[in-house]
Amino acid sequence: MNILALDLGTHTGYCRTLIEGSFAAGTWDLATKDEITAWGKDRTTRRCDPRILRLFTNLVELTPAPELVVFEDVQFQTFTYQTQLWSSFRAAVWLAFGGQALLECVPVSALKKFATGYGSANKELMKRYLTLRYPELQLAGCDDNAIDAIWIYKWAETNLARHPQK
């Protein structure tokens, strides 16, 4: 099954199937701090945040298109703006693949428990357990967003890859 796993955010981690049995992982940097500051000054982030358009573009340009798209289900935000941004990232995924792929999400604590056995694992523990469980993976250049995406991918392989398609 062709899987796309996403750790949504300004620096979106992704992990996707290349060919059966292999995958690629990395991070899409959707904005710099300077860009976000400039967009905030002209209120672009409040009406048409360019990060959402950049994410959508990255998604629709993927070939082949995924059959299963899984993302981390973040259910906690401190500020209204975080909630709006997170909702916009999810909407970009839904618009890009909602009609052609099975969409699923994994709760943050469930992903951390799957990865490490601890539902409150930090980024360093997630990386350490990935290296321990999959020593063959080359993680050079993978930031914590890509590492989370790899874990989402592994979770999907384990829990969802046998689900019937739409």
Protein backbone atom coordinates (compact mmCIF):
# COMPACT_ATOMS: atom_id res chain seq x y z
CA MET A 1 0.00 0.00 0.00
CA ASN A 2 1.26 3.48 -0.87
CA ILE A 3 1.34 5.37 2.46
CA LEU A 4 1.94 9.03 3.22
CA ALA A 5 2.57 9.90 6.88
CA LEU A 6 2.57 13.53 8.00
CA ASP A 7 3.64 15.39 11.12
CA LEU A 8 1.79 18.60 10.27
CA GLY A 9 3.23 21.99 11.14
CA THR A 10 5.27 24.89 9.84
CA HIS A 11 8.01 22.31 9.40
CA THR A 12 5.96 19.34 8.19
CA GLY A 13 7.61 15.97 8.58
CA TYR A 14 6.71 13.46 5.90
CA CYS A 15 7.39 9.81 5.22
CA ARG A 16 6.10 8.16 2.06
CA THR A 17 6.27 4.90 0.21
CA LEU A 18 8.71 4.92 -2.71
CA ILE A 19 8.33 1.32 -3.81
CA GLU A 20 6.93 -1.61 -1.86
CA GLY A 21 9.18 -2.08 1.15
CA SER A 22 11.02 1.25 0.98
CA PHE A 23 10.22 4.82 1.92
CA ALA A 24 11.63 8.33 1.96
CA ALA A 25 11.38 10.78 4.83
CA GLY A 26 12.15 14.44 5.30
CA THR A 27 10.75 17.80 6.26
CA TRP A 28 8.99 20.42 4.19
CA ASP A 29 9.89 23.84 5.56
CA LEU A 30 6.73 25.78 4.80
CA ALA A 31 7.99 29.10 6.16
CA THR A 32 10.85 30.86 7.86
CA LYS A 33 10.50 32.90 11.06
CA ASP A 34 11.05 36.10 9.04
CA GLU A 35 8.26 35.16 6.61
CA ILE A 36 5.84 34.40 9.44
CA THR A 37 6.66 37.74 11.07
CA ALA A 38 6.08 39.60 7.78
CA TRP A 39 2.82 37.75 7.13
CA GLY A 40 1.66 38.60 10.66
CA LYS A 41 2.29 42.29 10.07
CA ASP A 42 0.07 42.37 6.99
CA ARG A 43 -2.42 39.89 8.57
CA THR A 44 -1.88 37.35 5.77
CA THR A 45 -1.66 34.61 8.40
CA ARG A 46 -5.19 35.52 9.46
CA ARG A 47 -6.84 35.32 6.04
CA CYS A 48 -4.72 33.21 3.68
CA ASP A 49 -1.68 31.77 5.42
CA PRO A 50 0.90 30.92 2.73
CA ARG A 51 1.99 27.84 4.72
CA ILE A 52 -1.32 26.21 3.93
CA LEU A 53 -0.93 26.86 0.21
CA ARG A 54 2.65 25.55 0.30
CA LEU A 55 1.56 22.39 2.10
CA PHE A 56 -1.28 21.84 -0.36
CA THR A 57 1.10 22.28 -3.31
CA ASN A 58 3.55 19.74 -1.85
CA LEU A 59 0.72 17.27 -1.33
CA VAL A 60 -0.88 17.47 -4.76
CA GLU A 61 2.50 17.23 -6.50
CA LEU A 62 3.25 13.83 -4.96
CA THR A 63 3.35 11.04 -7.52
CA PRO A 64 2.05 8.51 -7.30
CA ALA A 65 -0.74 9.77 -5.10
CA PRO A 66 -0.97 7.93 -1.78
CA GLU A 67 -3.66 5.37 -1.06
CA LEU A 68 -3.46 5.94 2.69
CA VAL A 69 -2.69 9.29 4.36
CA VAL A 70 -2.07 9.33 8.11
CA PHE A 71 -1.29 12.33 10.29
CA GLU A 72 -0.73 12.98 13.96
CA ASP A 73 -3.97 13.98 15.67
CA VAL A 74 -2.92 16.91 17.83
CA GLN A 75 -5.78 17.74 20.16
CA PHE A 76 -4.18 20.39 22.31
CA GLN A 77 -3.43 23.99 21.54
CA THR A 78 -2.78 26.93 23.81
CA PHE A 79 -4.00 29.72 21.57
CA THR A 80 -6.89 30.22 19.17
CA TYR A 81 -4.40 30.92 16.39
CA GLN A 82 -2.76 27.49 16.90
CA THR A 83 -6.17 25.84 16.60
CA GLN A 84 -6.93 27.74 13.40
CA LEU A 85 -3.53 26.94 11.89
CA TRP A 86 -3.77 23.26 12.80
CA SER A 87 -7.29 23.08 11.36
CA SER A 88 -6.05 24.68 8.15
CA PHE A 89 -3.24 22.13 7.80
CA ARG A 90 -5.78 19.32 8.22
CA ALA A 91 -8.11 20.95 5.68
CA ALA A 92 -5.24 21.06 3.14
CA VAL A 93 -4.79 17.29 3.59
CA TRP A 94 -8.51 16.66 3.26
CA LEU A 95 -8.77 18.76 0.11
CA ALA A 96 -5.68 17.19 -1.46
CA PHE A 97 -6.63 13.55 -0.84
CA GLY A 98 -10.14 13.28 0.60
CA GLY A 99 -11.63 11.92 -2.58
CA GLN A 100 -8.90 9.49 -3.51
CA ALA A 101 -7.24 8.09 -0.38
CA LEU A 102 -8.15 6.64 2.97
CA LEU A 103 -7.47 9.36 5.56
CA GLU A 104 -6.65 8.49 9.16
CA CYS A 105 -5.06 10.10 12.18
CA VAL A 106 -3.23 8.75 15.21
CA PRO A 107 -3.49 10.45 18.61
CA VAL A 108 -0.17 11.87 19.85
CA SER A 109 -0.11 9.73 23.01
CA ALA A 110 -0.96 6.56 21.05
CA LEU A 111 1.88 7.24 18.63
CA LYS A 112 4.35 7.84 21.47
CA LYS A 113 3.22 4.67 23.24
CA PHE A 114 3.56 2.68 19.99
CA ALA A 115 7.06 4.07 19.45
CA THR A 116 8.51 3.93 22.95
CA GLY A 117 6.02 2.32 25.32
CA TYR A 118 5.56 5.71 27.00
CA GLY A 119 2.60 7.93 26.08
CA SER A 120 4.48 11.07 27.09
CA ALA A 121 7.83 10.39 25.38
CA ASN A 122 9.87 13.43 24.34
CA LYS A 123 11.50 14.04 20.95
CA GLU A 124 14.87 12.62 22.04
CA LEU A 125 13.29 9.37 23.26
CA MET A 126 11.34 9.04 19.99
CA LYS A 127 14.61 9.32 18.05
CA ARG A 128 16.47 6.92 20.33
CA TYR A 129 13.77 4.25 20.03
CA LEU A 130 13.65 4.63 16.25
CA THR A 131 17.39 3.97 16.10
CA LEU A 132 17.05 0.99 18.46
CA ARG A 133 14.08 -0.64 16.70
CA TYR A 134 15.19 0.12 13.15
CA PRO A 135 19.01 0.31 13.16
CA GLU A 136 19.07 -0.03 9.38
CA LEU A 137 17.42 3.36 8.90
CA GLN A 138 19.64 6.22 7.85
CA LEU A 139 18.46 9.15 9.96
CA ALA A 140 21.16 11.64 9.02
CA GLY A 141 19.43 14.88 8.12
CA CYS A 142 16.13 13.85 9.72
CA ASP A 143 14.85 16.39 12.22
CA ASP A 144 12.26 15.59 14.91
CA ASN A 145 9.43 16.27 12.44
CA ALA A 146 10.73 13.65 9.99
CA ILE A 147 11.31 11.22 12.84
CA ASP A 148 7.71 11.64 13.99
CA ALA A 149 6.57 11.10 10.40
CA ILE A 150 8.57 7.86 10.22
CA TRP A 151 6.89 6.68 13.41
CA ILE A 152 3.48 7.60 11.97
CA TYR A 153 4.38 5.61 8.85
CA LYS A 154 5.44 2.58 10.95
CA TRP A 155 2.26 2.88 13.00
CA ALA A 156 0.19 2.93 9.81
CA GLU A 157 2.02 -0.10 8.41
CA THR A 158 1.29 -1.99 11.60
CA ASN A 159 -2.27 -0.87 12.22
CA LEU A 160 -3.82 0.24 8.93
CA ALA A 161 -2.05 -1.18 5.89
CA ARG A 162 -4.51 -4.08 5.64
CA HIS A 163 -7.62 -1.89 5.77
CA PRO A 164 -9.79 -1.99 2.67
CA GLN A 165 -9.46 1.01 0.42
CA LYS A 166 -12.32 3.44 -0.27
